[in-house]
Amino acid sequence: MLFIIVLLFIVVPMTVFLHEVGHGLVARVMKIDGVEVVIGTGPMLVSFQFGGIHFQFHAIYFFGAYTTNLSAHEVSEWQRGLISLGGPLVNVGVAILAYLLLDMNHMISELFVLFNVWVGLVNLIPYKLLKRESDGLIFIKSMYKEIRLIKTK
């Protein structure tokens, strides 16, 4: 029971938050304005700005998250593709750092590392499930569109 509670209320939200921040950081590095990271659903608990990214945390924080761009400027396909890789790469990078720095004899540390690896790698696989496209599929589609645009010029 403790395993499920720790996973659902601590590890999953932290991993999802890091994943979305990864998307947001890449967008900010590309000088895209209006980046917003939304964590959870339901009534908003807190909203703040940090590092040029607007964060919103909602009451049911362990269910759903996304990063969006509220800028008036359109994001190019190559930017969209690279932004899509930001989340999974942050998860894998954080997993490696956590593995090297944390005591892996603790359940929370082990769950955190394993779940970040899983989220990072699964999101790099190109797939579509119902209407949701993985970050890997978004990257491939964006790069394909960008190459087609270059060829037509």
N, C-alpha and C. Protein backbone atom coordinates (compact mmCIF):
# COMPACT_ATOMS: atom_id res chain seq x y z
N MET A 1 0.82 -1.20 0.00
CA MET A 1 0.00 0.00 0.00
C MET A 1 0.86 1.26 0.00
N LEU A 2 1.92 1.25 0.82
CA LEU A 2 2.83 2.39 0.88
C LEU A 2 3.46 2.64 -0.49
N PHE A 3 3.80 1.57 -1.18
CA PHE A 3 4.38 1.65 -2.53
C PHE A 3 3.47 2.45 -3.46
N ILE A 4 2.19 2.14 -3.46
CA ILE A 4 1.23 2.81 -4.34
C ILE A 4 1.07 4.28 -3.96
N ILE A 5 1.00 4.56 -2.67
CA ILE A 5 0.86 5.94 -2.21
C ILE A 5 2.08 6.77 -2.61
N VAL A 6 3.27 6.23 -2.37
CA VAL A 6 4.50 6.94 -2.72
C VAL A 6 4.57 7.16 -4.23
N LEU A 7 4.24 6.14 -5.00
CA LEU A 7 4.29 6.26 -6.46
C LEU A 7 3.30 7.30 -6.95
N LEU A 8 2.05 7.19 -6.52
CA LEU A 8 0.98 8.04 -7.03
C LEU A 8 1.09 9.49 -6.59
N PHE A 9 1.45 9.73 -5.34
CA PHE A 9 1.41 11.09 -4.80
C PHE A 9 2.76 11.81 -4.74
N ILE A 10 3.86 11.07 -4.91
CA ILE A 10 5.18 11.71 -4.86
C ILE A 10 5.95 11.52 -6.17
N VAL A 11 6.20 10.27 -6.54
CA VAL A 11 7.07 9.98 -7.68
C VAL A 11 6.44 10.42 -9.00
N VAL A 12 5.21 10.04 -9.26
CA VAL A 12 4.56 10.39 -10.53
C VAL A 12 4.47 11.91 -10.70
N PRO A 13 3.97 12.65 -9.72
CA PRO A 13 3.90 14.11 -9.92
C PRO A 13 5.26 14.77 -10.12
N MET A 14 6.28 14.32 -9.39
CA MET A 14 7.61 14.90 -9.56
C MET A 14 8.15 14.60 -10.96
N THR A 15 7.95 13.38 -11.43
CA THR A 15 8.42 12.99 -12.75
C THR A 15 7.70 13.76 -13.84
N VAL A 16 6.40 13.88 -13.72
CA VAL A 16 5.61 14.62 -14.71
C VAL A 16 6.01 16.10 -14.71
N PHE A 17 6.20 16.66 -13.53
CA PHE A 17 6.63 18.05 -13.43
C PHE A 17 7.97 18.26 -14.15
N LEU A 18 8.94 17.39 -13.88
CA LEU A 18 10.25 17.50 -14.53
C LEU A 18 10.13 17.36 -16.04
N HIS A 19 9.28 16.45 -16.49
CA HIS A 19 9.05 16.23 -17.92
C HIS A 19 8.54 17.51 -18.58
N GLU A 20 7.53 18.11 -17.98
CA GLU A 20 6.94 19.33 -18.55
C GLU A 20 7.91 20.51 -18.47
N VAL A 21 8.68 20.60 -17.40
CA VAL A 21 9.69 21.65 -17.30
C VAL A 21 10.73 21.48 -18.41
N GLY A 22 11.05 20.24 -18.75
CA GLY A 22 11.97 19.99 -19.86
C GLY A 22 11.48 20.59 -21.16
N HIS A 23 10.19 20.41 -21.45
CA HIS A 23 9.61 21.04 -22.65
C HIS A 23 9.71 22.56 -22.55
N GLY A 24 9.35 23.08 -21.38
CA GLY A 24 9.36 24.53 -21.17
C GLY A 24 10.75 25.14 -21.28
N LEU A 25 11.74 24.46 -20.74
CA LEU A 25 13.11 24.98 -20.80
C LEU A 25 13.62 25.06 -22.23
N VAL A 26 13.35 24.03 -23.03
CA VAL A 26 13.79 24.06 -24.43
C VAL A 26 13.09 25.20 -25.16
N ALA A 27 11.81 25.39 -24.89
CA ALA A 27 11.08 26.50 -25.51
C ALA A 27 11.69 27.84 -25.13
N ARG A 28 12.05 28.00 -23.87
CA ARG A 28 12.64 29.27 -23.42
C ARG A 28 14.04 29.47 -24.02
N VAL A 29 14.82 28.40 -24.13
CA VAL A 29 16.14 28.50 -24.76
C VAL A 29 15.99 28.99 -26.19
N MET A 30 14.89 28.61 -26.84
CA MET A 30 14.61 29.05 -28.21
C MET A 30 13.95 30.43 -28.25
N LYS A 31 13.90 31.08 -27.10
CA LYS A 31 13.35 32.44 -26.99
C LYS A 31 11.86 32.52 -27.31
N ILE A 32 11.14 31.44 -27.05
CA ILE A 32 9.69 31.43 -27.26
C ILE A 32 9.04 32.02 -26.01
N ASP A 33 8.18 33.00 -26.21
CA ASP A 33 7.49 33.66 -25.10
C ASP A 33 6.16 32.96 -24.81
N GLY A 34 5.61 33.24 -23.66
CA GLY A 34 4.29 32.73 -23.31
C GLY A 34 4.26 31.25 -22.99
N VAL A 35 5.39 30.70 -22.51
CA VAL A 35 5.44 29.27 -22.17
C VAL A 35 4.71 29.06 -20.85
N GLU A 36 3.83 28.07 -20.85
CA GLU A 36 3.02 27.78 -19.67
C GLU A 36 3.06 26.29 -19.38
N VAL A 37 3.36 25.95 -18.12
CA VAL A 37 3.35 24.56 -17.66
C VAL A 37 2.18 24.41 -16.70
N VAL A 38 1.28 23.49 -17.03
CA VAL A 38 0.08 23.26 -16.21
C VAL A 38 0.18 21.85 -15.64
N ILE A 39 0.09 21.75 -14.32
CA ILE A 39 0.17 20.46 -13.63
C ILE A 39 -1.16 20.19 -12.96
N GLY A 40 -1.78 19.07 -13.31
CA GLY A 40 -3.01 18.64 -12.67
C GLY A 40 -4.27 19.20 -13.30
N THR A 41 -5.35 18.93 -12.62
CA THR A 41 -6.67 19.36 -13.06
C THR A 41 -7.48 19.79 -11.84
N GLY A 42 -8.64 20.35 -12.06
CA GLY A 42 -9.47 20.82 -10.95
C GLY A 42 -9.13 22.25 -10.58
N PRO A 43 -9.57 22.69 -9.40
CA PRO A 43 -9.34 24.08 -8.99
C PRO A 43 -7.84 24.40 -8.91
N MET A 44 -7.49 25.61 -9.35
CA MET A 44 -6.09 26.02 -9.30
C MET A 44 -5.69 26.32 -7.86
N LEU A 45 -4.54 25.77 -7.45
CA LEU A 45 -4.02 26.01 -6.11
C LEU A 45 -3.05 27.19 -6.09
N VAL A 46 -2.15 27.21 -7.07
CA VAL A 46 -1.14 28.26 -7.11
C VAL A 46 -0.71 28.49 -8.55
N SER A 47 -0.38 29.74 -8.82
CA SER A 47 0.08 30.13 -10.15
C SER A 47 1.21 31.14 -9.96
N PHE A 48 2.33 30.94 -10.66
CA PHE A 48 3.45 31.86 -10.54
C PHE A 48 4.32 31.81 -11.79
N GLN A 49 5.19 32.81 -11.89
CA GLN A 49 6.12 32.94 -13.01
C GLN A 49 7.53 32.69 -12.49
N PHE A 50 8.32 31.87 -13.22
CA PHE A 50 9.71 31.62 -12.85
C PHE A 50 10.51 31.32 -14.11
N GLY A 51 11.59 32.04 -14.30
CA GLY A 51 12.46 31.79 -15.45
C GLY A 51 11.77 31.97 -16.79
N GLY A 52 10.81 32.87 -16.84
CA GLY A 52 10.10 33.11 -18.09
C GLY A 52 9.04 32.07 -18.40
N ILE A 53 8.77 31.19 -17.45
CA ILE A 53 7.74 30.16 -17.63
C ILE A 53 6.64 30.41 -16.60
N HIS A 54 5.40 30.36 -17.05
CA HIS A 54 4.26 30.51 -16.15
C HIS A 54 3.84 29.11 -15.69
N PHE A 55 3.77 28.91 -14.38
CA PHE A 55 3.40 27.61 -13.81
C PHE A 55 2.03 27.70 -13.17
N GLN A 56 1.23 26.65 -13.36
CA GLN A 56 -0.07 26.51 -12.69
C GLN A 56 -0.12 25.12 -12.05
N PHE A 57 -0.47 25.07 -10.78
CA PHE A 57 -0.65 23.80 -10.09
C PHE A 57 -2.11 23.70 -9.65
N HIS A 58 -2.74 22.58 -9.98
CA HIS A 58 -4.15 22.38 -9.67
C HIS A 58 -4.31 21.32 -8.57
N ALA A 59 -5.49 21.29 -7.97
CA ALA A 59 -5.76 20.45 -6.80
C ALA A 59 -5.48 18.97 -7.05
N ILE A 60 -5.90 18.46 -8.17
CA ILE A 60 -5.65 17.05 -8.48
C ILE A 60 -4.35 17.01 -9.28
N TYR A 61 -3.24 17.25 -8.56
CA TYR A 61 -1.93 17.45 -9.17
C TYR A 61 -1.32 16.18 -9.77
N PHE A 62 -1.81 15.03 -9.39
CA PHE A 62 -1.25 13.77 -9.87
C PHE A 62 -1.96 13.25 -11.12
N PHE A 63 -2.83 14.07 -11.71
CA PHE A 63 -3.59 13.63 -12.88
C PHE A 63 -3.50 14.67 -14.00
N GLY A 64 -2.68 14.40 -14.98
CA GLY A 64 -2.60 15.25 -16.16
C GLY A 64 -1.65 16.42 -16.04
N ALA A 65 -1.02 16.74 -17.15
CA ALA A 65 -0.11 17.89 -17.22
C ALA A 65 0.16 18.19 -18.69
N TYR A 66 0.50 19.44 -18.96
CA TYR A 66 0.88 19.80 -20.31
C TYR A 66 1.67 21.10 -20.29
N THR A 67 2.41 21.31 -21.38
CA THR A 67 3.13 22.56 -21.59
C THR A 67 2.60 23.16 -22.87
N THR A 68 2.36 24.46 -22.85
CA THR A 68 1.81 25.11 -24.03
C THR A 68 2.53 26.43 -24.28
N ASN A 69 2.23 27.01 -25.41
CA ASN A 69 2.82 28.28 -25.82
C ASN A 69 1.69 29.26 -26.07
N LEU A 70 1.64 30.31 -25.29
CA LEU A 70 0.58 31.31 -25.43
C LEU A 70 1.06 32.51 -26.24
N SER A 71 2.22 32.40 -26.86
CA SER A 71 2.79 33.49 -27.63
C SER A 71 1.99 33.74 -28.90
N ALA A 72 2.04 34.97 -29.35
CA ALA A 72 1.37 35.32 -30.61
C ALA A 72 2.17 34.82 -31.81
N HIS A 73 3.45 34.53 -31.60
CA HIS A 73 4.30 34.05 -32.69
C HIS A 73 4.14 32.55 -32.87
N GLU A 74 4.13 32.14 -34.12
CA GLU A 74 3.99 30.72 -34.42
C GLU A 74 5.32 30.00 -34.19
N VAL A 75 5.24 28.80 -33.67
CA VAL A 75 6.43 27.98 -33.44
C VAL A 75 6.69 27.18 -34.71
N SER A 76 7.94 27.21 -35.18
CA SER A 76 8.28 26.48 -36.41
C SER A 76 8.29 24.98 -36.13
N GLU A 77 8.28 24.20 -37.19
CA GLU A 77 8.27 22.74 -37.05
C GLU A 77 9.54 22.24 -36.37
N TRP A 78 10.70 22.81 -36.74
CA TRP A 78 11.93 22.33 -36.11
C TRP A 78 11.96 22.69 -34.63
N GLN A 79 11.40 23.86 -34.27
CA GLN A 79 11.31 24.22 -32.85
C GLN A 79 10.38 23.26 -32.12
N ARG A 80 9.23 22.99 -32.72
CA ARG A 80 8.27 22.07 -32.11
C ARG A 80 8.90 20.69 -31.89
N GLY A 81 9.66 20.23 -32.88
CA GLY A 81 10.32 18.93 -32.76
C GLY A 81 11.31 18.89 -31.62
N LEU A 82 12.14 19.92 -31.52
CA LEU A 82 13.14 19.95 -30.44
C LEU A 82 12.49 20.13 -29.07
N ILE A 83 11.44 20.93 -29.00
CA ILE A 83 10.72 21.09 -27.73
C ILE A 83 10.15 19.75 -27.28
N SER A 84 9.66 18.96 -28.22
CA SER A 84 9.08 17.66 -27.87
C SER A 84 10.12 16.73 -27.24
N LEU A 85 11.38 16.88 -27.61
CA LEU A 85 12.44 16.03 -27.03
C LEU A 85 12.85 16.48 -25.63
N GLY A 86 12.57 17.74 -25.29
CA GLY A 86 12.99 18.28 -24.00
C GLY A 86 12.50 17.50 -22.80
N GLY A 87 11.22 17.12 -22.81
CA GLY A 87 10.65 16.38 -21.68
C GLY A 87 11.31 15.03 -21.45
N PRO A 88 11.33 14.15 -22.47
CA PRO A 88 11.96 12.84 -22.28
C PRO A 88 13.44 12.92 -21.93
N LEU A 89 14.16 13.85 -22.55
CA LEU A 89 15.60 13.95 -22.27
C LEU A 89 15.86 14.43 -20.85
N VAL A 90 15.02 15.32 -20.34
CA VAL A 90 15.16 15.73 -18.93
C VAL A 90 14.89 14.54 -18.02
N ASN A 91 13.85 13.75 -18.31
CA ASN A 91 13.57 12.57 -17.48
C ASN A 91 14.75 11.61 -17.44
N VAL A 92 15.33 11.31 -18.59
CA VAL A 92 16.47 10.39 -18.64
C VAL A 92 17.68 11.01 -17.93
N GLY A 93 17.93 12.29 -18.16
CA GLY A 93 19.05 12.96 -17.49
C GLY A 93 18.89 13.00 -15.98
N VAL A 94 17.69 13.31 -15.52
CA VAL A 94 17.42 13.33 -14.07
C VAL A 94 17.58 11.94 -13.48
N ALA A 95 17.14 10.92 -14.20
CA ALA A 95 17.28 9.54 -13.72
C ALA A 95 18.75 9.18 -13.54
N ILE A 96 19.58 9.56 -14.50
CA ILE A 96 21.01 9.26 -14.40
C ILE A 96 21.63 10.00 -13.21
N LEU A 97 21.33 11.29 -13.08
CA LEU A 97 21.85 12.06 -11.94
C LEU A 97 21.37 11.50 -10.61
N ALA A 98 20.08 11.18 -10.53
CA ALA A 98 19.52 10.64 -9.29
C ALA A 98 20.18 9.31 -8.94
N TYR A 99 20.40 8.48 -9.93
CA TYR A 99 21.05 7.18 -9.70
C TYR A 99 22.46 7.38 -9.14
N LEU A 100 23.16 8.37 -9.65
CA LEU A 100 24.53 8.62 -9.21
C LEU A 100 24.60 9.31 -7.84
N LEU A 101 23.58 10.12 -7.52
CA LEU A 101 23.66 10.96 -6.32
C LEU A 101 22.83 10.47 -5.14
N LEU A 102 21.77 9.71 -5.39
CA LEU A 102 20.88 9.29 -4.31
C LEU A 102 21.24 7.92 -3.77
N ASP A 103 20.82 7.66 -2.55
CA ASP A 103 20.99 6.34 -1.95
C ASP A 103 19.94 5.41 -2.54
N MET A 104 20.38 4.48 -3.36
CA MET A 104 19.44 3.61 -4.06
C MET A 104 18.90 2.49 -3.18
N ASN A 105 19.19 2.51 -1.89
CA ASN A 105 18.62 1.53 -0.96
C ASN A 105 17.27 1.98 -0.43
N HIS A 106 16.81 3.14 -0.84
CA HIS A 106 15.51 3.64 -0.41
C HIS A 106 14.49 3.47 -1.52
N MET A 107 13.29 3.07 -1.16
CA MET A 107 12.24 2.81 -2.13
C MET A 107 11.93 4.04 -2.97
N ILE A 108 11.85 5.21 -2.37
CA ILE A 108 11.50 6.41 -3.11
C ILE A 108 12.56 6.72 -4.17
N SER A 109 13.83 6.60 -3.80
CA SER A 109 14.92 6.84 -4.76
C SER A 109 14.84 5.88 -5.93
N GLU A 110 14.66 4.62 -5.62
CA GLU A 110 14.59 3.59 -6.66
C GLU A 110 13.39 3.82 -7.58
N LEU A 111 12.23 4.09 -6.99
CA LEU A 111 11.03 4.36 -7.79
C LEU A 111 11.23 5.60 -8.66
N PHE A 112 11.82 6.63 -8.09
CA PHE A 112 12.04 7.87 -8.82
C PHE A 112 12.92 7.64 -10.05
N VAL A 113 14.02 6.94 -9.87
CA VAL A 113 14.93 6.66 -10.99
C VAL A 113 14.24 5.81 -12.04
N LEU A 114 13.63 4.72 -11.62
CA LEU A 114 13.00 3.81 -12.58
C LEU A 114 11.84 4.46 -13.33
N PHE A 115 11.03 5.24 -12.63
CA PHE A 115 9.88 5.87 -13.29
C PHE A 115 10.34 6.95 -14.28
N ASN A 116 11.39 7.69 -13.93
CA ASN A 116 11.92 8.69 -14.85
C ASN A 116 12.50 8.05 -16.10
N VAL A 117 13.22 6.95 -15.94
CA VAL A 117 13.73 6.22 -17.11
C VAL A 117 12.58 5.76 -17.97
N TRP A 118 11.57 5.16 -17.34
CA TRP A 118 10.41 4.64 -18.09
C TRP A 118 9.69 5.76 -18.84
N VAL A 119 9.39 6.85 -18.17
CA VAL A 119 8.68 7.97 -18.81
C VAL A 119 9.52 8.54 -19.95
N GLY A 120 10.81 8.72 -19.72
CA GLY A 120 11.67 9.26 -20.76
C GLY A 120 11.73 8.37 -21.99
N LEU A 121 11.98 7.08 -21.78
CA LEU A 121 12.13 6.17 -22.92
C LEU A 121 10.82 5.92 -23.64
N VAL A 122 9.74 5.73 -22.90
CA VAL A 122 8.44 5.47 -23.54
C VAL A 122 8.00 6.68 -24.36
N ASN A 123 8.30 7.88 -23.89
CA ASN A 123 7.91 9.07 -24.64
C ASN A 123 8.77 9.31 -25.87
N LEU A 124 9.92 8.69 -25.95
CA LEU A 124 10.75 8.80 -27.15
C LEU A 124 10.28 7.86 -28.26
N ILE A 125 9.54 6.83 -27.90
CA ILE A 125 9.01 5.89 -28.90
C ILE A 125 7.90 6.59 -29.68
N PRO A 126 7.96 6.55 -31.02
CA PRO A 126 6.89 7.19 -31.79
C PRO A 126 5.61 6.34 -31.79
N TYR A 127 4.54 6.85 -31.19
CA TYR A 127 3.26 6.15 -31.19
C TYR A 127 2.12 7.15 -31.03
N LYS A 128 0.94 6.71 -31.40
CA LYS A 128 -0.27 7.50 -31.19
C LYS A 128 -1.26 6.59 -30.47
N LEU A 129 -1.79 7.06 -29.36
CA LEU A 129 -2.75 6.31 -28.57
C LEU A 129 -4.00 7.17 -28.44
N LEU A 130 -5.07 6.72 -29.08
CA LEU A 130 -6.27 7.51 -29.24
C LEU A 130 -5.89 8.81 -29.94
N LYS A 131 -6.03 9.96 -29.28
CA LYS A 131 -5.67 11.22 -29.93
C LYS A 131 -4.34 11.77 -29.44
N ARG A 132 -3.71 11.04 -28.54
CA ARG A 132 -2.45 11.52 -27.95
C ARG A 132 -1.25 10.99 -28.73
N GLU A 133 -0.40 11.93 -29.15
CA GLU A 133 0.84 11.57 -29.84
C GLU A 133 2.00 11.66 -28.86
N SER A 134 2.89 10.67 -28.92
CA SER A 134 4.07 10.69 -28.06
C SER A 134 5.02 11.80 -28.51
N ASP A 135 5.93 12.16 -27.62
CA ASP A 135 6.94 13.16 -27.96
C ASP A 135 7.80 12.68 -29.12
N GLY A 136 8.08 11.38 -29.16
CA GLY A 136 8.86 10.82 -30.26
C GLY A 136 8.16 10.98 -31.60
N LEU A 137 6.85 10.75 -31.63
CA LEU A 137 6.09 10.91 -32.87
C LEU A 137 6.01 12.38 -33.27
N ILE A 138 5.81 13.25 -32.29
CA ILE A 138 5.78 14.69 -32.58
C ILE A 138 7.12 15.12 -33.20
N PHE A 139 8.22 14.62 -32.65
CA PHE A 139 9.54 14.96 -33.19
C PHE A 139 9.67 14.49 -34.63
N ILE A 140 9.33 13.24 -34.90
CA ILE A 140 9.47 12.69 -36.26
C ILE A 140 8.59 13.44 -37.24
N LYS A 141 7.33 13.69 -36.87
CA LYS A 141 6.42 14.40 -37.77
C LYS A 141 6.91 15.83 -38.03
N SER A 142 7.40 16.49 -37.00
CA SER A 142 7.89 17.86 -37.15
C SER A 142 9.12 17.90 -38.05
N MET A 143 10.03 16.97 -37.86
CA MET A 143 11.23 16.95 -38.70
C MET A 143 10.87 16.62 -40.15
N TYR A 144 9.92 15.72 -40.35
CA TYR A 144 9.46 15.38 -41.70
C TYR A 144 8.87 16.61 -42.39
N LYS A 145 8.02 17.34 -41.66
CA LYS A 145 7.42 18.56 -42.22
C LYS A 145 8.49 19.60 -42.52
N GLU A 146 9.46 19.74 -41.64
CA GLU A 146 10.54 20.72 -41.84
C GLU A 146 11.37 20.36 -43.07
N ILE A 147 11.68 19.09 -43.24
CA ILE A 147 12.46 18.66 -44.41
C ILE A 147 11.67 18.92 -45.70
N ARG A 148 10.38 18.65 -45.67
CA ARG A 148 9.54 18.91 -46.85
C ARG A 148 9.50 20.41 -47.17
N LEU A 149 9.46 21.24 -46.14
CA LEU A 149 9.48 22.70 -46.36
C LEU A 149 10.79 23.14 -47.00
N ILE A 150 11.89 22.58 -46.54
CA ILE A 150 13.20 22.93 -47.08
C ILE A 150 13.30 22.50 -48.55
N LYS A 151 12.79 21.31 -48.85
CA LYS A 151 12.86 20.79 -50.23
C LYS A 151 12.03 21.62 -51.21
N THR A 152 10.95 22.23 -50.72
CA THR A 152 10.09 23.01 -51.62
C THR A 152 10.60 24.43 -51.85
N LYS A 153 11.61 24.84 -51.11
CA LYS A 153 12.16 26.20 -51.27
C LYS A 153 13.14 26.28 -52.42
